[in-house]
Amino acid sequence: MIVEKPWGKVTTYALNQPSSVRIITIEPGQETSEHYHQLRDEQWIVLDEGLRIQIGNRVVEARPGDEFMVSSEEPHRITNTGPTRGRVLEIAQGYTTEDDTFRLQDDYGRPLEPEW
């Protein structure tokens, strides 16, 4: 399943509750919203150069192979500062749907609260 986003796309390879595996692709110069999830934790493995990872107040210029844990209710964002598409492998534990996304800031004018 592929979900197009204004900043790129999310490709889900396994969608099972309580575990899912996805590739997050961020286009050059784009970023995800700053958001959190109430019902899932995420493990991220950076696949490409040029990605800035923000988890809580921590910001890291990530390299391929870097791994990050994002706990539920922890704000996070991925920014692509590189010249090519950037990808992150995401392994989510818990409830993995778009209606568990609570945005704190969004550059694309999308609603901050989930649309049920």
N, C-alpha and C. Protein backbone atom coordinates (compact mmCIF):
# COMPACT_ATOMS: atom_id res chain seq x y z
N MET A 1 0.85 -1.17 0.00
CA MET A 1 0.00 0.00 0.00
C MET A 1 0.89 1.24 0.00
N ILE A 2 0.61 2.19 -0.87
CA ILE A 2 1.37 3.43 -0.96
C ILE A 2 0.44 4.58 -0.62
N VAL A 3 0.88 5.43 0.32
CA VAL A 3 0.13 6.63 0.69
C VAL A 3 0.98 7.82 0.26
N GLU A 4 0.48 8.59 -0.69
CA GLU A 4 1.19 9.79 -1.15
C GLU A 4 1.03 10.90 -0.11
N LYS A 5 2.11 11.63 0.12
CA LYS A 5 2.13 12.74 1.06
C LYS A 5 2.65 13.97 0.32
N PRO A 6 2.40 15.18 0.83
CA PRO A 6 2.92 16.36 0.14
C PRO A 6 4.45 16.41 0.13
N TRP A 7 5.08 15.73 1.08
CA TRP A 7 6.53 15.73 1.20
C TRP A 7 7.18 14.50 0.58
N GLY A 8 6.38 13.51 0.15
CA GLY A 8 6.92 12.27 -0.42
C GLY A 8 5.87 11.18 -0.35
N LYS A 9 6.22 10.01 0.21
CA LYS A 9 5.26 8.92 0.31
C LYS A 9 5.66 7.96 1.41
N VAL A 10 4.68 7.13 1.81
CA VAL A 10 4.92 6.05 2.76
C VAL A 10 4.46 4.77 2.08
N THR A 11 5.38 3.80 1.98
CA THR A 11 5.07 2.51 1.37
C THR A 11 5.04 1.46 2.47
N THR A 12 3.89 0.82 2.65
CA THR A 12 3.73 -0.20 3.69
C THR A 12 3.93 -1.57 3.07
N TYR A 13 4.85 -2.34 3.64
CA TYR A 13 5.12 -3.69 3.15
C TYR A 13 4.43 -4.76 3.99
N ALA A 14 4.23 -4.49 5.25
CA ALA A 14 3.50 -5.41 6.13
C ALA A 14 2.70 -4.58 7.10
N LEU A 15 1.37 -4.73 7.07
CA LEU A 15 0.50 -3.98 7.96
C LEU A 15 -0.24 -4.98 8.82
N ASN A 16 0.31 -5.22 9.97
CA ASN A 16 -0.26 -6.16 10.91
C ASN A 16 -0.35 -5.46 12.25
N GLN A 17 -1.44 -5.64 12.92
CA GLN A 17 -1.51 -5.12 14.27
C GLN A 17 -1.05 -6.25 15.17
N PRO A 18 -0.05 -6.09 16.00
CA PRO A 18 0.50 -4.81 16.43
C PRO A 18 1.84 -4.44 15.83
N SER A 19 2.17 -4.86 14.61
CA SER A 19 3.48 -4.55 14.05
C SER A 19 3.35 -4.27 12.56
N SER A 20 4.09 -3.24 12.09
CA SER A 20 4.05 -2.90 10.66
C SER A 20 5.45 -2.51 10.20
N VAL A 21 5.72 -2.73 8.92
CA VAL A 21 7.00 -2.38 8.32
C VAL A 21 6.72 -1.47 7.13
N ARG A 22 7.37 -0.28 7.14
CA ARG A 22 7.12 0.70 6.08
C ARG A 22 8.43 1.37 5.67
N ILE A 23 8.45 1.87 4.44
CA ILE A 23 9.53 2.74 3.97
C ILE A 23 8.94 4.14 3.85
N ILE A 24 9.55 5.09 4.54
CA ILE A 24 9.16 6.50 4.46
C ILE A 24 10.13 7.16 3.48
N THR A 25 9.59 7.78 2.43
CA THR A 25 10.41 8.46 1.42
C THR A 25 10.11 9.95 1.49
N ILE A 26 11.18 10.76 1.67
CA ILE A 26 11.03 12.21 1.75
C ILE A 26 11.76 12.83 0.57
N GLU A 27 11.05 13.65 -0.18
CA GLU A 27 11.63 14.31 -1.35
C GLU A 27 12.65 15.38 -0.90
N PRO A 28 13.59 15.74 -1.79
CA PRO A 28 14.59 16.76 -1.44
C PRO A 28 13.93 18.08 -1.03
N GLY A 29 14.42 18.67 0.05
CA GLY A 29 13.91 19.95 0.52
C GLY A 29 12.57 19.88 1.24
N GLN A 30 12.07 18.69 1.49
CA GLN A 30 10.77 18.51 2.14
C GLN A 30 10.95 17.94 3.54
N GLU A 31 9.88 18.00 4.33
CA GLU A 31 9.92 17.44 5.67
C GLU A 31 8.53 16.96 6.07
N THR A 32 8.51 15.98 6.95
CA THR A 32 7.24 15.53 7.49
C THR A 32 6.73 16.59 8.45
N SER A 33 5.48 16.48 8.84
CA SER A 33 4.99 17.36 9.90
C SER A 33 5.71 16.98 11.20
N GLU A 34 5.74 17.91 12.14
CA GLU A 34 6.16 17.54 13.49
C GLU A 34 4.91 16.96 14.14
N HIS A 35 4.99 15.71 14.56
CA HIS A 35 3.79 15.01 15.03
C HIS A 35 4.16 13.95 16.06
N TYR A 36 3.13 13.33 16.62
CA TYR A 36 3.33 12.21 17.53
C TYR A 36 2.18 11.23 17.35
N HIS A 37 2.36 10.05 17.93
CA HIS A 37 1.34 9.01 17.89
C HIS A 37 1.06 8.59 19.33
N GLN A 38 -0.18 8.33 19.66
CA GLN A 38 -0.52 7.89 21.01
C GLN A 38 -0.44 6.39 21.17
N LEU A 39 -0.60 5.65 20.07
CA LEU A 39 -0.81 4.22 20.20
C LEU A 39 0.28 3.35 19.58
N ARG A 40 1.44 3.95 19.27
CA ARG A 40 2.52 3.13 18.72
C ARG A 40 3.90 3.72 19.01
N ASP A 41 4.86 2.83 19.06
CA ASP A 41 6.28 3.16 19.11
C ASP A 41 6.86 2.84 17.74
N GLU A 42 7.93 3.54 17.37
CA GLU A 42 8.55 3.32 16.07
C GLU A 42 10.05 3.15 16.22
N GLN A 43 10.60 2.26 15.42
CA GLN A 43 12.04 2.14 15.27
C GLN A 43 12.37 2.58 13.85
N TRP A 44 13.32 3.49 13.71
CA TRP A 44 13.71 3.98 12.39
C TRP A 44 15.13 3.54 12.09
N ILE A 45 15.35 3.10 10.85
CA ILE A 45 16.69 2.80 10.35
C ILE A 45 16.87 3.66 9.10
N VAL A 46 17.85 4.56 9.15
CA VAL A 46 18.10 5.50 8.05
C VAL A 46 18.76 4.74 6.90
N LEU A 47 18.22 4.91 5.69
CA LEU A 47 18.75 4.21 4.52
C LEU A 47 19.59 5.10 3.61
N ASP A 48 19.39 6.42 3.64
CA ASP A 48 20.06 7.33 2.71
C ASP A 48 20.68 8.53 3.41
N GLU A 49 21.61 9.16 2.73
CA GLU A 49 22.24 10.40 3.21
C GLU A 49 21.25 11.56 3.15
N GLY A 50 21.56 12.63 3.90
CA GLY A 50 20.84 13.89 3.76
C GLY A 50 19.60 14.04 4.62
N LEU A 51 19.42 13.16 5.61
CA LEU A 51 18.22 13.24 6.44
C LEU A 51 18.54 13.79 7.82
N ARG A 52 17.72 14.72 8.26
CA ARG A 52 17.81 15.27 9.61
C ARG A 52 16.66 14.67 10.41
N ILE A 53 17.00 14.05 11.52
CA ILE A 53 16.02 13.39 12.37
C ILE A 53 15.81 14.24 13.61
N GLN A 54 14.55 14.54 13.91
CA GLN A 54 14.19 15.26 15.13
C GLN A 54 13.28 14.35 15.95
N ILE A 55 13.70 14.06 17.18
CA ILE A 55 12.90 13.29 18.12
C ILE A 55 12.91 14.06 19.43
N GLY A 56 11.75 14.56 19.83
CA GLY A 56 11.69 15.45 20.99
C GLY A 56 12.51 16.70 20.69
N ASN A 57 13.41 17.07 21.58
CA ASN A 57 14.28 18.24 21.38
C ASN A 57 15.61 17.87 20.74
N ARG A 58 15.83 16.60 20.46
CA ARG A 58 17.09 16.13 19.88
C ARG A 58 17.01 16.19 18.36
N VAL A 59 18.04 16.78 17.73
CA VAL A 59 18.12 16.86 16.27
C VAL A 59 19.46 16.27 15.85
N VAL A 60 19.42 15.32 14.89
CA VAL A 60 20.62 14.62 14.46
C VAL A 60 20.70 14.64 12.93
N GLU A 61 21.88 14.96 12.40
CA GLU A 61 22.14 14.80 10.97
C GLU A 61 22.50 13.32 10.80
N ALA A 62 21.55 12.55 10.32
CA ALA A 62 21.68 11.09 10.32
C ALA A 62 22.50 10.59 9.13
N ARG A 63 23.05 9.40 9.32
CA ARG A 63 23.80 8.71 8.27
C ARG A 63 23.14 7.35 8.02
N PRO A 64 23.33 6.80 6.83
CA PRO A 64 22.77 5.47 6.58
C PRO A 64 23.23 4.47 7.65
N GLY A 65 22.28 3.69 8.12
CA GLY A 65 22.57 2.71 9.16
C GLY A 65 22.25 3.19 10.56
N ASP A 66 22.10 4.50 10.75
CA ASP A 66 21.74 5.02 12.08
C ASP A 66 20.35 4.52 12.45
N GLU A 67 20.19 4.18 13.72
CA GLU A 67 18.90 3.69 14.22
C GLU A 67 18.38 4.59 15.32
N PHE A 68 17.07 4.79 15.34
CA PHE A 68 16.43 5.67 16.31
C PHE A 68 15.16 5.00 16.84
N MET A 69 14.88 5.21 18.11
CA MET A 69 13.63 4.76 18.71
C MET A 69 12.76 5.99 18.97
N VAL A 70 11.50 5.91 18.58
CA VAL A 70 10.53 6.97 18.81
C VAL A 70 9.41 6.37 19.66
N SER A 71 9.32 6.82 20.90
CA SER A 71 8.29 6.30 21.80
C SER A 71 6.95 6.96 21.51
N SER A 72 5.88 6.29 21.89
CA SER A 72 4.55 6.89 21.72
C SER A 72 4.51 8.23 22.45
N GLU A 73 3.78 9.16 21.88
CA GLU A 73 3.59 10.52 22.39
C GLU A 73 4.86 11.38 22.35
N GLU A 74 5.91 10.90 21.68
CA GLU A 74 7.13 11.69 21.53
C GLU A 74 7.10 12.40 20.18
N PRO A 75 7.14 13.74 20.15
CA PRO A 75 7.12 14.47 18.88
C PRO A 75 8.33 14.10 18.02
N HIS A 76 8.10 14.00 16.70
CA HIS A 76 9.19 13.64 15.80
C HIS A 76 8.93 14.20 14.40
N ARG A 77 10.02 14.27 13.64
CA ARG A 77 9.96 14.83 12.28
C ARG A 77 11.19 14.34 11.53
N ILE A 78 11.05 14.19 10.21
CA ILE A 78 12.18 13.87 9.34
C ILE A 78 12.25 14.96 8.27
N THR A 79 13.46 15.53 8.08
CA THR A 79 13.69 16.56 7.08
C THR A 79 14.74 16.06 6.10
N ASN A 80 14.49 16.25 4.80
CA ASN A 80 15.48 15.88 3.79
C ASN A 80 16.23 17.14 3.37
N THR A 81 17.49 17.23 3.78
CA THR A 81 18.35 18.37 3.43
C THR A 81 19.24 18.05 2.23
N GLY A 82 19.13 16.83 1.70
CA GLY A 82 19.99 16.40 0.61
C GLY A 82 19.41 16.68 -0.77
N PRO A 83 20.17 16.36 -1.82
CA PRO A 83 19.74 16.64 -3.19
C PRO A 83 18.90 15.52 -3.83
N THR A 84 18.77 14.37 -3.14
CA THR A 84 18.01 13.25 -3.69
C THR A 84 17.01 12.75 -2.66
N ARG A 85 16.10 11.90 -3.08
CA ARG A 85 15.13 11.32 -2.16
C ARG A 85 15.84 10.64 -1.00
N GLY A 86 15.23 10.75 0.17
CA GLY A 86 15.76 10.07 1.35
C GLY A 86 14.76 9.08 1.89
N ARG A 87 15.25 7.94 2.37
CA ARG A 87 14.36 6.90 2.86
C ARG A 87 14.72 6.46 4.28
N VAL A 88 13.68 6.12 5.03
CA VAL A 88 13.83 5.57 6.37
C VAL A 88 12.97 4.31 6.44
N LEU A 89 13.56 3.23 6.94
CA LEU A 89 12.81 2.02 7.22
C LEU A 89 12.18 2.18 8.59
N GLU A 90 10.86 2.02 8.66
CA GLU A 90 10.15 2.18 9.92
C GLU A 90 9.53 0.84 10.32
N ILE A 91 9.79 0.44 11.55
CA ILE A 91 9.15 -0.73 12.13
C ILE A 91 8.32 -0.21 13.29
N ALA A 92 7.01 -0.29 13.15
CA ALA A 92 6.09 0.27 14.15
C ALA A 92 5.51 -0.85 14.99
N GLN A 93 5.44 -0.61 16.27
CA GLN A 93 4.84 -1.55 17.22
C GLN A 93 3.62 -0.88 17.83
N GLY A 94 2.45 -1.41 17.55
CA GLY A 94 1.21 -0.84 18.07
C GLY A 94 0.23 -0.59 16.95
N TYR A 95 -0.63 0.37 17.14
CA TYR A 95 -1.73 0.70 16.23
C TYR A 95 -1.21 1.59 15.11
N THR A 96 -1.07 1.06 13.90
CA THR A 96 -0.45 1.78 12.79
C THR A 96 -1.49 2.21 11.77
N THR A 97 -2.11 3.37 12.00
CA THR A 97 -3.00 3.96 11.01
C THR A 97 -2.82 5.47 11.04
N GLU A 98 -3.30 6.12 9.99
CA GLU A 98 -3.17 7.58 9.90
C GLU A 98 -4.01 8.31 10.95
N ASP A 99 -5.04 7.66 11.49
CA ASP A 99 -5.88 8.35 12.48
C ASP A 99 -5.24 8.41 13.87
N ASP A 100 -3.99 7.96 13.98
CA ASP A 100 -3.23 8.10 15.23
C ASP A 100 -2.09 9.09 15.03
N THR A 101 -2.26 10.05 14.12
CA THR A 101 -1.25 11.08 13.87
C THR A 101 -1.79 12.41 14.38
N PHE A 102 -1.08 12.97 15.36
CA PHE A 102 -1.45 14.26 15.96
C PHE A 102 -0.34 15.25 15.59
N ARG A 103 -0.65 16.15 14.66
CA ARG A 103 0.36 17.10 14.18
C ARG A 103 0.48 18.29 15.13
N LEU A 104 1.72 18.70 15.36
CA LEU A 104 2.01 19.90 16.14
C LEU A 104 2.31 21.07 15.23
N GLN A 105 2.87 20.76 14.03
CA GLN A 105 3.20 21.78 13.03
C GLN A 105 3.23 21.10 11.68
N ASP A 106 2.67 21.78 10.66
CA ASP A 106 2.62 21.19 9.33
C ASP A 106 2.75 22.30 8.29
N ASP A 107 3.72 22.14 7.38
CA ASP A 107 3.97 23.14 6.34
C ASP A 107 2.99 23.05 5.18
N TYR A 108 2.12 22.05 5.16
CA TYR A 108 1.28 21.79 4.01
C TYR A 108 -0.20 22.10 4.26
N GLY A 109 -0.51 22.70 5.41
CA GLY A 109 -1.88 23.11 5.69
C GLY A 109 -2.83 21.98 6.04
N ARG A 110 -2.30 20.83 6.39
CA ARG A 110 -3.16 19.71 6.77
C ARG A 110 -3.67 19.91 8.20
N PRO A 111 -4.81 19.30 8.54
CA PRO A 111 -5.35 19.45 9.90
C PRO A 111 -4.37 18.91 10.94
N LEU A 112 -4.32 19.56 12.09
CA LEU A 112 -3.45 19.10 13.15
C LEU A 112 -4.02 17.88 13.86
N GLU A 113 -5.31 17.83 14.03
CA GLU A 113 -5.95 16.69 14.70
C GLU A 113 -6.34 15.64 13.65
N PRO A 114 -6.37 14.37 14.03
CA PRO A 114 -6.79 13.33 13.08
C PRO A 114 -8.22 13.56 12.61
N GLU A 115 -8.49 13.14 11.38
CA GLU A 115 -9.83 13.26 10.81
C GLU A 115 -10.51 11.90 10.93
N TRP A 116 -11.48 11.76 11.84
CA TRP A 116 -12.18 10.48 12.04
C TRP A 116 -13.47 10.49 11.33
